[in-house]
Protein backbone atom coordinates (compact mmCIF):
# COMPACT_ATOMS: atom_id res chain seq x y z
CA MET A 1 25.48 -39.17 -4.59
CA ASN A 2 23.87 -35.93 -3.47
CA LEU A 3 23.76 -36.42 0.31
CA GLU A 4 21.43 -33.47 0.84
CA ILE A 5 18.73 -34.99 -1.36
CA LYS A 6 19.27 -38.39 0.28
CA LYS A 7 18.85 -36.78 3.72
CA LYS A 8 15.51 -35.24 2.68
CA ILE A 9 14.28 -38.54 1.26
CA ASP A 10 15.15 -40.41 4.46
CA LEU A 11 13.31 -37.82 6.55
CA ALA A 12 10.23 -37.87 4.33
CA ALA A 13 10.21 -41.65 4.27
CA GLY A 14 10.31 -41.77 8.07
CA ARG A 15 13.68 -43.53 8.27
CA ASN A 16 15.07 -40.57 10.22
CA GLU A 17 13.31 -38.25 12.61
CA PRO A 18 12.81 -34.57 11.67
CA GLU A 19 13.68 -31.66 13.95
CA LEU A 20 10.03 -30.80 14.61
CA VAL A 21 6.61 -32.36 14.16
CA LEU A 22 3.33 -30.48 14.46
CA LYS A 23 0.97 -33.24 15.63
CA ASN A 24 -2.78 -33.68 15.29
CA ALA A 25 -3.53 -30.73 13.01
CA LYS A 26 -6.34 -29.95 10.63
CA ILE A 27 -4.23 -29.10 7.59
CA VAL A 28 -5.65 -26.78 4.92
CA ASN A 29 -4.52 -28.25 1.60
CA VAL A 30 -4.52 -25.42 -0.94
CA PHE A 31 -3.85 -27.81 -3.82
CA SER A 32 -6.66 -30.32 -3.32
CA HIS A 33 -9.06 -27.87 -1.66
CA GLU A 34 -9.66 -30.03 1.43
CA ILE A 35 -8.87 -30.34 5.13
CA ILE A 36 -6.55 -33.22 6.04
CA GLN A 37 -6.08 -34.51 9.58
CA GLY A 38 -2.46 -35.35 10.31
CA ASP A 39 1.06 -34.33 11.27
CA VAL A 40 3.49 -31.96 9.58
CA ALA A 41 7.18 -32.91 9.69
CA ILE A 42 9.66 -30.02 9.55
CA ASN A 43 13.43 -30.06 9.15
CA GLU A 44 15.83 -27.14 8.65
CA GLY A 45 12.95 -24.78 7.97
CA LYS A 46 11.33 -26.97 5.30
CA ILE A 47 8.30 -29.22 5.36
CA VAL A 48 9.49 -32.76 4.66
CA GLY A 49 6.28 -34.70 5.06
CA ILE A 50 2.55 -34.80 5.77
CA GLY A 51 1.01 -37.80 7.49
CA GLU A 52 2.15 -39.54 10.66
CA TYR A 53 5.60 -38.63 12.01
CA LYS A 54 7.59 -38.73 15.23
CA SER A 55 10.27 -36.45 16.62
CA GLU A 56 11.95 -35.67 19.91
CA ASN A 57 10.42 -32.21 19.45
CA GLU A 58 6.68 -32.46 18.98
CA ILE A 59 3.97 -29.82 19.38
CA ASP A 60 0.42 -31.07 19.76
CA MET A 61 -1.90 -28.88 17.68
CA GLU A 62 -4.90 -30.45 19.48
CA GLY A 63 -7.00 -30.42 16.34
CA LYS A 64 -6.45 -26.76 15.53
CA TYR A 65 -6.38 -25.64 11.91
CA ILE A 66 -3.10 -24.87 10.19
CA ALA A 67 -2.53 -23.21 6.82
CA PRO A 68 0.33 -21.64 4.87
CA GLY A 69 1.52 -18.22 5.96
CA LEU A 70 -0.42 -15.39 4.31
CA ILE A 71 0.89 -13.34 1.40
CA ASP A 72 0.18 -9.68 0.60
CA GLY A 73 0.48 -9.37 -3.18
CA HIS A 74 0.97 -5.59 -3.29
CA VAL A 75 1.75 -3.24 -0.44
CA HIS A 76 3.43 0.10 0.13
CA ILE A 77 5.06 -0.36 3.54
CA GLU A 78 5.46 3.41 3.76
CA SER A 79 1.68 3.83 4.08
CA SER A 80 1.89 2.17 7.49
CA MET A 81 4.20 5.05 8.45
CA VAL A 82 6.71 2.65 10.02
CA ALA A 83 9.99 1.13 8.83
CA PRO A 84 10.13 -2.48 7.54
CA PRO A 85 11.22 -4.01 10.88
CA GLN A 86 8.30 -2.42 12.74
CA PHE A 87 5.96 -3.39 9.93
CA ALA A 88 7.05 -7.03 10.24
CA ARG A 89 6.70 -6.89 14.00
CA THR A 90 3.04 -5.89 13.52
CA VAL A 91 1.80 -8.01 10.62
CA VAL A 92 3.63 -11.30 11.30
CA PRO A 93 1.50 -11.97 14.43
CA ARG A 94 -1.52 -11.48 12.18
CA GLY A 95 -0.37 -14.31 9.95
CA THR A 96 1.45 -12.52 7.14
CA THR A 97 4.76 -14.22 6.40
CA THR A 98 5.40 -12.87 2.88
CA ILE A 99 4.79 -9.51 1.23
CA ILE A 100 5.49 -8.10 -2.21
CA ALA A 101 6.37 -4.48 -1.48
CA ASP A 102 6.51 -1.60 -3.92
CA PRO A 103 8.77 1.13 -2.42
CA HIS A 104 7.25 3.64 -4.79
CA GLU A 105 6.61 6.23 -2.09
CA ILE A 106 10.12 6.54 -0.70
CA ALA A 107 11.58 6.25 -4.21
CA ASN A 108 9.68 9.39 -5.21
CA VAL A 109 11.50 11.22 -2.42
CA LEU A 110 14.95 9.63 -2.45
CA GLY A 111 15.23 7.57 -5.63
CA MET A 112 17.54 4.56 -5.52
CA GLU A 113 18.74 5.54 -2.04
CA GLY A 114 15.19 5.08 -0.76
CA ILE A 115 14.78 1.69 -2.44
CA ARG A 116 18.09 0.45 -1.04
CA TYR A 117 17.04 1.64 2.42
CA MET A 118 13.89 -0.49 2.23
CA ILE A 119 15.78 -3.53 0.96
CA ASP A 120 18.58 -3.21 3.52
CA THR A 121 16.32 -2.67 6.52
CA SER A 122 14.14 -5.66 5.59
CA GLU A 123 17.03 -8.12 5.69
CA GLY A 124 17.04 -10.83 8.34
CA LEU A 125 13.42 -10.44 9.44
CA PRO A 126 11.12 -13.43 10.08
CA MET A 127 9.09 -12.44 7.05
CA ASN A 128 9.81 -12.68 3.32
CA ILE A 129 9.91 -9.16 1.90
CA PHE A 130 10.18 -9.11 -1.87
CA PHE A 131 10.20 -5.95 -3.96
CA MET A 132 8.86 -4.59 -7.22
CA LEU A 133 10.94 -1.74 -8.63
CA PRO A 134 8.92 1.48 -8.95
CA SER A 135 8.15 2.09 -12.61
CA CYS A 136 6.79 5.62 -12.36
CA VAL A 137 9.12 7.98 -10.51
CA PRO A 138 7.70 10.53 -10.93
CA ALA A 139 4.23 9.09 -11.46
CA THR A 140 3.68 11.51 -14.33
CA SER A 141 5.40 14.48 -15.94
CA PHE A 142 2.77 16.73 -14.38
CA GLU A 143 4.48 17.06 -11.00
CA HIS A 144 7.91 17.42 -9.42
CA SER A 145 9.23 14.54 -7.34
CA GLY A 146 12.48 14.15 -5.45
CA ALA A 147 13.93 11.77 -8.03
CA ILE A 148 13.66 10.56 -11.60
CA LEU A 149 14.22 6.84 -12.14
CA GLY A 150 14.83 5.77 -15.71
CA ALA A 151 15.49 2.26 -16.98
CA ASP A 152 19.24 2.74 -16.51
CA LYS A 153 18.78 3.27 -12.77
CA LEU A 154 16.28 0.45 -12.30
CA GLU A 155 18.60 -1.93 -14.08
CA GLU A 156 21.03 -1.63 -11.15
CA LEU A 157 18.64 -3.63 -8.95
CA ILE A 158 16.48 -5.65 -11.34
CA ASN A 159 18.56 -8.81 -10.75
CA HIS A 160 18.60 -8.52 -6.95
CA ASP A 161 17.46 -11.83 -5.49
CA ARG A 162 14.52 -10.18 -3.70
CA VAL A 163 13.39 -8.07 -6.66
CA LEU A 164 10.57 -9.79 -8.52
CA GLY A 165 9.96 -7.31 -11.30
CA LEU A 166 8.57 -3.92 -12.27
CA GLY A 167 6.07 -2.16 -10.03
CA GLU A 168 2.68 -0.77 -10.98
CA LEU A 169 2.68 0.89 -14.40
CA MET A 170 0.35 3.70 -13.39
CA ASP A 171 1.29 5.93 -16.31
CA TYR A 172 -0.84 3.70 -18.51
CA PRO A 173 -1.29 6.29 -21.30
CA SER A 174 2.48 6.09 -21.87
CA VAL A 175 2.28 2.29 -22.06
CA ILE A 176 -0.60 2.37 -24.54
CA ALA A 177 1.13 5.07 -26.62
CA GLY A 178 4.33 3.01 -26.76
CA ASN A 179 6.42 5.70 -25.08
CA GLU A 180 10.12 4.95 -25.56
CA ASP A 181 11.15 5.51 -21.92
CA THR A 182 8.33 3.27 -20.70
CA ILE A 183 9.22 0.52 -23.17
CA GLN A 184 12.82 0.61 -21.94
CA LYS A 185 11.60 -0.05 -18.38
CA ILE A 186 9.39 -2.89 -19.62
CA GLU A 187 12.34 -4.33 -21.50
CA ILE A 188 14.57 -4.65 -18.42
CA ALA A 189 11.80 -6.60 -16.66
CA LYS A 190 10.95 -8.85 -19.62
CA ASN A 191 11.80 -12.05 -17.74
CA LYS A 192 10.07 -10.92 -14.53
CA ILE A 193 6.62 -9.81 -13.35
CA ILE A 194 5.13 -6.45 -14.33
CA ASP A 195 2.37 -5.02 -12.13
CA GLY A 196 -0.51 -3.01 -13.51
CA HIS A 197 -2.35 0.07 -12.35
CA GLY A 198 -4.87 0.82 -15.06
CA PRO A 199 -8.30 1.93 -13.85
CA ASP A 200 -10.84 2.56 -16.60
CA ILE A 201 -8.77 1.01 -19.44
CA SER A 202 -10.95 -1.05 -21.76
CA GLY A 203 -11.21 -2.47 -25.27
CA LYS A 204 -8.19 -2.30 -27.53
CA ASN A 205 -6.31 -0.11 -25.05
CA LEU A 206 -6.59 -2.88 -22.47
CA ASN A 207 -5.26 -5.35 -25.03
CA ALA A 208 -2.32 -3.02 -25.64
CA TYR A 209 -1.65 -2.75 -21.91
CA VAL A 210 -1.60 -6.54 -21.48
CA ILE A 211 0.49 -7.28 -24.56
CA ALA A 212 3.09 -4.84 -23.23
CA GLY A 213 3.67 -7.37 -20.46
CA VAL A 214 1.39 -6.21 -17.64
CA GLU A 215 0.18 -9.27 -15.72
CA THR A 216 -1.61 -7.99 -12.60
CA GLU A 217 -4.22 -5.41 -11.66
CA HIS A 218 -5.10 -4.11 -8.20
CA GLU A 219 -7.14 -1.05 -9.24
CA CYS A 220 -10.39 -2.77 -10.25
CA SER A 221 -13.35 -1.06 -8.64
CA THR A 222 -16.15 -2.80 -10.56
CA VAL A 223 -16.97 -6.39 -11.39
CA GLU A 224 -16.96 -5.52 -15.09
CA GLU A 225 -13.37 -4.25 -14.90
CA MET A 226 -12.33 -7.38 -13.04
CA ILE A 227 -13.94 -9.80 -15.51
CA ASN A 228 -12.52 -7.97 -18.52
CA ARG A 229 -9.02 -8.36 -17.12
CA LEU A 230 -9.49 -11.99 -16.10
CA ARG A 231 -10.55 -12.75 -19.66
CA LEU A 232 -7.22 -11.41 -20.91
CA GLY A 233 -5.22 -13.61 -18.54
CA MET A 234 -4.42 -11.06 -15.86
CA TYR A 235 -4.25 -11.85 -12.16
CA ILE A 236 -6.61 -9.74 -10.05
CA LEU A 237 -5.37 -8.45 -6.71
CA ILE A 238 -8.47 -7.80 -4.62
CA ARG A 239 -7.62 -4.83 -2.46
CA GLU A 240 -8.83 -4.00 1.00
CA GLY A 241 -6.84 -1.05 2.28
CA SER A 242 -7.69 2.05 4.26
CA ALA A 243 -8.76 4.53 1.59
CA ALA A 244 -9.61 2.03 -1.16
CA ARG A 245 -11.81 -0.90 -0.12
CA ASN A 246 -12.83 -3.01 -3.08
CA LEU A 247 -13.24 -6.49 -1.61
CA GLU A 248 -16.96 -6.54 -0.91
CA THR A 249 -17.68 -5.35 -4.45
CA LEU A 250 -15.25 -7.58 -6.33
CA ILE A 251 -15.68 -10.74 -4.28
CA ARG A 252 -19.10 -11.21 -5.91
CA ALA A 253 -17.33 -12.07 -9.16
CA VAL A 254 -15.12 -14.77 -7.63
CA ASN A 255 -16.27 -18.28 -8.53
CA GLN A 256 -14.94 -21.82 -8.76
CA GLU A 257 -13.68 -21.25 -12.30
CA ASN A 258 -11.72 -18.02 -11.74
CA SER A 259 -10.77 -18.00 -8.07
CA ARG A 260 -7.23 -19.29 -8.69
CA ARG A 261 -6.51 -16.12 -10.70
CA CYS A 262 -7.47 -13.91 -7.74
CA LEU A 263 -5.36 -12.93 -4.76
CA PHE A 264 -5.40 -10.40 -1.94
CA CYS A 265 -3.51 -7.19 -1.29
CA THR A 266 -3.72 -4.19 1.03
CA ASP A 267 -1.90 -1.59 -1.11
CA ASP A 268 -2.13 1.30 1.39
CA LYS A 269 -3.21 0.55 4.94
CA HIS A 270 -2.99 2.83 7.95
CA PRO A 271 -1.80 1.71 11.41
CA GLU A 272 -5.26 1.80 13.01
CA ASP A 273 -6.76 -0.54 10.43
CA ILE A 274 -3.89 -3.02 10.70
CA LEU A 275 -3.88 -3.04 14.48
CA GLU A 276 -7.66 -3.21 14.94
CA LYS A 277 -8.85 -5.19 11.91
CA GLY A 278 -5.81 -7.11 10.74
CA HIS A 279 -3.82 -7.45 7.57
CA ILE A 280 -4.38 -10.19 4.94
CA ASP A 281 -6.17 -12.18 7.65
CA TYR A 282 -8.84 -9.47 7.50
CA ASN A 283 -9.20 -9.96 3.75
CA VAL A 284 -9.73 -13.69 4.35
CA ARG A 285 -12.33 -13.08 7.09
CA LEU A 286 -14.17 -10.51 5.00
CA ALA A 287 -14.23 -12.79 1.96
CA VAL A 288 -15.69 -15.63 4.05
CA LYS A 289 -18.25 -13.25 5.56
CA ASN A 290 -19.30 -12.36 2.01
CA GLY A 291 -19.92 -15.95 1.04
CA VAL A 292 -16.58 -17.22 -0.26
CA ASP A 293 -15.68 -20.79 0.66
CA PRO A 294 -13.04 -20.60 3.47
CA ILE A 295 -10.50 -22.80 1.69
CA THR A 296 -10.89 -20.71 -1.46
CA ALA A 297 -10.30 -17.58 0.60
CA ILE A 298 -7.16 -19.11 2.10
CA GLN A 299 -5.97 -20.08 -1.39
CA MET A 300 -6.41 -16.44 -2.43
CA GLY A 301 -4.31 -15.38 0.54
CA THR A 302 -1.53 -17.92 -0.05
CA ILE A 303 -0.81 -20.13 -3.05
CA ASN A 304 -2.50 -17.86 -5.61
CA ALA A 305 -0.17 -14.99 -4.73
CA ALA A 306 2.86 -17.29 -4.70
CA GLU A 307 2.04 -18.64 -8.16
CA CYS A 308 1.29 -15.18 -9.54
CA TYR A 309 4.69 -13.86 -8.50
CA GLY A 310 6.63 -17.03 -9.26
CA LEU A 311 7.57 -17.72 -5.64
CA LYS A 312 8.75 -21.29 -5.47
CA ASN A 313 8.28 -23.31 -2.30
CA ILE A 314 6.09 -20.70 -0.61
CA GLY A 315 2.35 -20.64 -0.08
CA ALA A 316 1.44 -24.26 0.69
CA ILE A 317 1.86 -26.99 3.29
CA ALA A 318 3.56 -29.70 1.26
CA PRO A 319 6.96 -31.45 1.07
CA GLY A 320 9.70 -29.07 -0.04
CA TYR A 321 7.81 -25.92 0.92
CA ASP A 322 9.05 -23.44 3.53
CA ALA A 323 7.54 -24.19 6.91
CA ASP A 324 5.71 -20.84 7.01
CA ILE A 325 2.61 -21.89 8.91
CA ILE A 326 -0.26 -20.18 10.67
CA VAL A 327 -2.36 -21.78 13.40
CA PHE A 328 -5.96 -20.58 13.74
CA ASP A 329 -9.11 -21.48 15.61
CA ASN A 330 -11.84 -21.97 13.01
CA LEU A 331 -12.68 -21.38 9.37
CA LYS A 332 -15.13 -18.53 10.02
CA GLU A 333 -13.51 -16.14 12.49
CA PHE A 334 -10.00 -17.09 11.30
CA ASN A 335 -8.31 -15.84 14.46
CA ILE A 336 -4.54 -16.31 14.17
CA LEU A 337 -3.20 -18.05 17.28
CA GLU A 338 0.41 -18.85 16.34
CA VAL A 339 2.78 -18.18 13.46
CA PHE A 340 5.77 -20.24 12.38
CA LYS A 341 8.43 -18.94 9.99
CA LYS A 342 10.64 -21.66 8.54
CA GLY A 343 9.65 -23.89 11.43
CA GLN A 344 10.41 -21.37 14.17
CA LYS A 345 7.55 -19.98 16.22
CA VAL A 346 7.72 -16.22 15.69
CA ALA A 347 4.35 -15.06 17.04
CA GLU A 348 1.71 -16.15 19.53
CA ASP A 349 -1.52 -14.56 20.76
CA GLN A 350 -1.10 -11.62 18.35
CA LYS A 351 2.34 -10.78 19.75
CA ALA A 352 5.70 -11.00 18.04
CA LEU A 353 8.22 -13.34 19.67
CA PHE A 354 11.15 -11.55 18.05
CA GLU A 355 12.87 -8.22 18.58
CA VAL A 356 13.68 -5.69 15.90
CA LYS A 357 16.93 -3.73 15.81
CA GLU A 358 17.55 -0.02 15.66
CA ILE A 359 18.44 0.90 12.10
CA ASP A 360 20.62 3.62 10.60
CA ASN A 361 18.38 6.32 9.13
CA SER A 362 21.06 8.92 8.42
CA ASN A 363 20.77 8.68 4.62
CA VAL A 364 17.01 9.10 4.51
CA VAL A 365 16.28 12.08 6.78
CA ASP A 366 16.30 15.88 6.27
CA THR A 367 14.32 15.65 3.05
CA VAL A 368 12.09 18.74 3.36
CA ARG A 369 13.62 21.60 1.42
CA ILE A 370 11.49 24.69 0.82
CA LYS A 371 12.07 28.41 0.53
CA GLU A 372 10.28 30.82 2.83
CA ILE A 373 6.61 31.00 1.93
CA SER A 374 4.33 33.97 2.58
CA LYS A 375 0.57 34.32 2.77
CA GLU A 376 0.72 36.05 -0.62
CA ASP A 377 2.10 32.83 -2.12
CA LEU A 378 -1.08 31.06 -1.02
CA GLU A 379 -3.49 33.56 -2.58
CA LEU A 380 -5.66 31.95 -5.25
CA SER A 381 -6.33 34.22 -8.22
CA ILE A 382 -9.63 33.70 -10.01
CA THR A 383 -11.08 35.55 -13.00
CA SER A 384 -14.65 34.48 -12.30
CA ASP A 385 -16.83 33.59 -9.35
CA VAL A 386 -17.61 30.28 -11.07
CA VAL A 387 -14.85 27.73 -10.51
CA ASN A 388 -13.85 24.10 -10.89
CA VAL A 389 -13.91 22.32 -7.53
CA ILE A 390 -12.69 18.91 -6.33
CA ARG A 391 -15.64 17.11 -4.75
CA LEU A 392 -14.73 14.32 -2.32
CA LEU A 393 -16.57 11.00 -2.38
CA PRO A 394 -16.98 9.00 0.85
CA HIS A 395 -14.34 6.30 1.44
CA SER A 396 -12.91 6.63 -2.07
CA LEU A 397 -9.73 7.80 -3.78
CA VAL A 398 -11.82 8.89 -6.75
CA THR A 399 -12.94 12.52 -6.77
CA GLU A 400 -15.54 14.33 -8.85
CA LYS A 401 -15.09 17.54 -10.83
CA VAL A 402 -17.92 19.96 -10.05
CA VAL A 403 -18.58 23.61 -10.87
CA ARG A 404 -19.43 25.93 -8.00
CA LYS A 405 -19.99 29.62 -7.34
CA VAL A 406 -17.61 31.13 -4.77
CA GLU A 407 -16.78 34.55 -3.35
CA ASN A 408 -14.41 36.60 -5.50
CA GLU A 409 -12.76 39.49 -3.71
CA ASN A 410 -10.57 41.67 -5.94
CA GLY A 411 -9.72 38.73 -8.17
CA LYS A 412 -8.86 36.41 -5.26
CA PHE A 413 -10.77 33.44 -3.85
CA LYS A 414 -12.23 34.25 -0.43
CA TYR A 415 -13.39 31.53 1.95
CA HIS A 416 -17.05 31.86 2.95
CA LYS A 417 -18.11 30.24 6.20
CA ASN A 418 -21.44 29.11 4.74
CA LEU A 419 -19.83 27.37 1.79
CA ASP A 420 -18.01 24.08 2.33
CA ILE A 421 -15.25 24.95 -0.13
CA LEU A 422 -11.69 25.00 1.15
CA LYS A 423 -8.43 26.07 -0.42
CA MET A 424 -5.73 23.48 -0.92
CA ALA A 425 -2.06 23.93 -1.87
CA VAL A 426 0.70 21.58 -3.00
CA ILE A 427 4.22 22.93 -2.40
CA GLU A 428 7.27 21.33 -4.03
CA ARG A 429 9.51 20.27 -1.14
CA HIS A 430 12.45 18.38 -2.65
CA ASN A 431 14.49 21.08 -4.39
CA ALA A 432 13.17 24.35 -2.95
CA THR A 433 11.76 25.48 -6.31
CA CYS A 434 8.84 27.29 -4.65
CA ASN A 435 6.43 25.66 -7.10
CA ILE A 436 2.93 25.94 -5.64
CA GLY A 437 -0.24 24.46 -7.13
CA LEU A 438 -3.62 25.61 -5.80
CA GLY A 439 -7.13 24.18 -5.90
CA LEU A 440 -10.49 24.11 -4.17
CA VAL A 441 -12.06 21.18 -2.31
CA GLU A 442 -15.67 20.42 -1.32
CA ASP A 443 -16.96 18.06 1.40
CA PHE A 444 -13.87 18.12 3.61
CA LYS A 445 -15.87 20.26 6.06
CA LEU A 446 -12.90 21.62 8.02
CA LYS A 447 -13.40 24.86 9.96
CA GLY A 448 -11.07 26.94 12.07
CA GLY A 449 -7.71 25.57 11.03
CA ALA A 450 -5.52 23.72 8.57
CA ILE A 451 -3.97 20.29 8.05
CA ALA A 452 -0.65 19.75 6.28
CA SER A 453 1.33 16.65 5.41
CA THR A 454 4.45 15.55 3.55
CA ILE A 455 2.57 12.40 2.55
CA ALA A 456 1.09 13.45 -0.81
CA HIS A 457 0.95 10.65 -3.35
CA ASP A 458 2.96 10.08 -5.31
CA SER A 459 5.62 12.76 -5.38
CA HIS A 460 5.14 13.52 -1.69
CA ASN A 461 5.38 17.26 -1.78
CA ILE A 462 3.83 19.27 1.05
CA ILE A 463 0.04 19.28 0.82
CA VAL A 464 -2.11 21.57 2.94
CA ILE A 465 -5.80 22.35 3.24
CA GLY A 466 -7.49 24.97 5.38
CA ASP A 467 -10.08 27.70 5.73
CA ASN A 468 -7.57 30.50 6.32
CA ASP A 469 -4.10 31.39 5.08
CA GLU A 470 -2.61 31.98 8.54
CA ASP A 471 -3.19 28.40 9.66
CA MET A 472 -2.18 27.00 6.27
CA LEU A 473 1.12 28.86 6.48
CA ALA A 474 1.68 27.73 10.07
CA ALA A 475 1.06 24.12 9.03
CA ILE A 476 3.52 24.36 6.13
CA ASN A 477 6.20 25.76 8.42
CA GLU A 478 5.55 23.11 11.07
CA VAL A 479 5.98 20.08 8.79
CA SER A 480 9.12 21.71 7.43
CA ARG A 481 10.46 22.29 10.95
CA VAL A 482 10.10 18.65 12.01
CA GLY A 483 11.61 17.28 8.79
CA GLY A 484 8.32 15.94 7.49
CA GLY A 485 5.12 14.62 8.98
CA ILE A 486 1.48 15.50 9.55
CA THR A 487 0.26 18.50 11.51
CA ILE A 488 -2.96 20.22 12.54
CA CYS A 489 -2.83 23.97 13.13
CA SER A 490 -5.39 26.36 14.54
CA GLY A 491 -5.14 29.91 15.77
CA GLY A 492 -1.90 30.36 13.83
CA LYS A 493 0.02 27.64 15.72
CA PRO A 494 0.42 23.85 15.77
CA VAL A 495 -2.13 21.92 17.81
CA LYS A 496 -0.67 18.43 17.23
CA THR A 497 2.11 17.09 15.02
CA LEU A 498 3.22 13.58 14.08
CA PRO A 499 6.87 13.75 12.94
CA LEU A 500 7.77 11.42 10.05
CA PRO A 501 11.49 12.14 9.69
CA ILE A 502 12.36 9.24 7.37
CA ALA A 503 11.76 10.70 3.90
CA GLY A 504 8.86 12.68 5.36
CA LEU A 505 6.88 9.43 5.24
CA ILE A 506 8.01 7.12 8.02
CA SER A 507 8.29 7.35 11.81
CA LYS A 508 11.19 6.00 13.83
CA ASN A 509 8.72 4.59 16.35
CA SER A 510 6.51 1.50 16.60
CA MET A 511 3.18 1.16 14.83
CA GLU A 512 1.39 1.28 18.18
CA ASP A 513 3.02 4.63 18.96
CA VAL A 514 2.15 6.03 15.54
CA ASP A 515 -1.43 4.78 15.89
CA SER A 516 -1.79 6.45 19.27
CA GLU A 517 -0.61 9.78 17.86
CA LEU A 518 -2.88 9.49 14.82
CA LYS A 519 -5.92 8.70 16.94
CA GLU A 520 -5.35 11.83 18.98
CA MET A 521 -5.02 13.83 15.77
CA LEU A 522 -8.16 12.28 14.27
CA ASN A 523 -10.06 13.24 17.41
CA ILE A 524 -8.89 16.82 16.98
CA ALA A 525 -9.77 16.83 13.27
CA TYR A 526 -13.27 15.46 13.78
CA ASN A 527 -14.27 17.05 17.06
CA GLN A 528 -12.44 20.38 17.03
CA LEU A 529 -12.19 21.21 13.34
CA GLY A 530 -15.42 19.50 12.25
CA VAL A 531 -13.88 17.40 9.48
CA SER A 532 -16.39 15.08 7.81
CA GLU A 533 -16.44 11.65 9.41
CA LYS A 534 -17.10 10.15 5.95
CA ILE A 535 -13.40 10.59 5.18
CA ASP A 536 -10.06 9.89 6.80
CA PRO A 537 -8.67 13.44 6.65
CA PHE A 538 -5.01 12.42 6.43
CA MET A 539 -5.43 9.60 3.93
CA THR A 540 -7.86 11.64 1.83
CA LEU A 541 -5.55 14.64 1.79
CA ALA A 542 -2.59 12.44 0.84
CA PHE A 543 -4.32 11.25 -2.35
CA LEU A 544 -5.58 14.65 -3.51
CA ALA A 545 -2.25 15.20 -5.28
CA LEU A 546 -2.27 11.92 -7.25
CA PRO A 547 -2.83 12.76 -10.94
CA VAL A 548 -3.54 9.20 -12.09
CA ILE A 549 -6.80 8.55 -10.21
CA PRO A 550 -9.91 10.29 -11.62
CA ASP A 551 -11.36 12.85 -11.83
CA ILE A 552 -9.50 15.92 -10.64
CA LYS A 553 -6.43 16.52 -8.45
CA VAL A 554 -3.80 19.19 -7.65
CA THR A 555 -0.04 18.85 -8.15
CA ASP A 556 2.66 21.42 -7.47
CA LYS A 557 2.15 22.50 -11.10
CA GLY A 558 -1.57 23.21 -10.82
CA LEU A 559 -5.11 21.84 -11.10
CA PHE A 560 -5.15 18.60 -13.09
CA ASP A 561 -8.03 16.89 -14.90
CA VAL A 562 -7.24 13.16 -14.94
CA THR A 563 -9.84 12.34 -17.60
CA LYS A 564 -8.31 14.89 -20.00
CA PHE A 565 -4.83 14.10 -18.64
CA ASP A 566 -3.96 17.78 -18.68
CA PHE A 567 -4.08 20.90 -16.55
CA ILE A 568 -7.21 23.04 -16.40
CA ASP A 569 -8.02 26.51 -15.13
CA ILE A 570 -9.69 26.92 -11.79
CA SER A 571 -11.90 29.67 -13.17
CA VAL A 572 -14.76 28.69 -15.47
CA GLN A 573 -15.45 31.28 -18.14
CA ASN A 574 -19.06 31.90 -19.15
């Protein structure tokens, strides 16, 4: 006889008492879509029964609501600018007990070493951290990253017990074309999940993308895109991050018939938004505010994600499931009061009840490698005074290609104070190749300085924007000096710098510390340099090098037209 099974049966049947009982709770049942009044019996981290139970250790819920711990279906931890332990310390008190992380950012800097760092430092935390292996390192062949990960490399980790599959296939033209290297990556993940990243794909191309094995999509920005993908059997991850906020648009398409194919994710979310608004709990609140039934919203934040990613025994309050439980006040405000992970209380009143350890970062620092750069290297040659310009759109990753007239001085672009057109540069920083791509940007509205960062999706080269070469050069030198980070320079010297020494992406400090530094820098950007308040200058700048999101971007190889999927000249010939 299997004594372990017999023990569970006796506990569930009430013949033996469990280790813990949560009494008098309003239980959100994500299977039957109802609220059940009762007790939850917990033993050895598992729920063993729902109903009426007794134990020497009982906690009276006093009629409060309880639900499964929340799940983020797709997140880049690196975008929080903190290491996995600090990330857990921040989001667990907000109700998130499971995340599916894509370490795409650090992999583009450090390859397999970066992925292993994320896996190793997320061990032993009171949060489930699963991983999708980055499929596009580099994101495209149109930029230089710090690593190249082929199928042979990814195969080393594909069978790790916390690796769920292949991360977002953002090089969707290669998928649709049946590129051999891409197919090899798909092949190693054939028995696992494959995430999508295919904005604007439609018709037969969308069919080709899905039949290749892609099962999820988090890049929908319109209801039409969402419905087209639902019809083909895809799961839709409704994203509410910092730069990309799609929930209020897409939630209109969620209904009783399709809601179980929809889940939530944050993708990229900055410290301020997490600390002030929340994490997946914010997605739930916002969905309810926009008319979604509260239990449906909770399903989208729990069981839907678990089923999508094949996570057994996670995402529900039912016998045999992990006792990952959140306690909250009401179905509208959804304020998280307490969090239990495998039956242990790990957070209360928005504060973590656990400590995080110092971690060894020695293998993932000193990643900024550039040769000496001069002002001449930043000069932008133009053959016409009519040029292609990147126009920013408010609160969006998408940019617009526009044609503008600028000042041409001896064949070089010259900044004009009455024109809101700034020069931008992307400098390869992994192998000191001195590759520099240049472009022009409208609607950033910066004056009297420069901003530089080693966060530049997805290859994370140095990216800098400014109205004069002196400050741009000072900013490049400053982020190099500190081993990576974000800096604001004015008057030829640094005004404020946030060091991000781990891969040039991540701080060694807490999220609160990072947030405090960023707020000071945002104040400088908005109030001293006049940056447009319709954008987050650091997040916006970080995505201006990403050549897979329309319309026009800059990589270290030059100005890139995403719709043509090729480089274009800055100058427009008449």
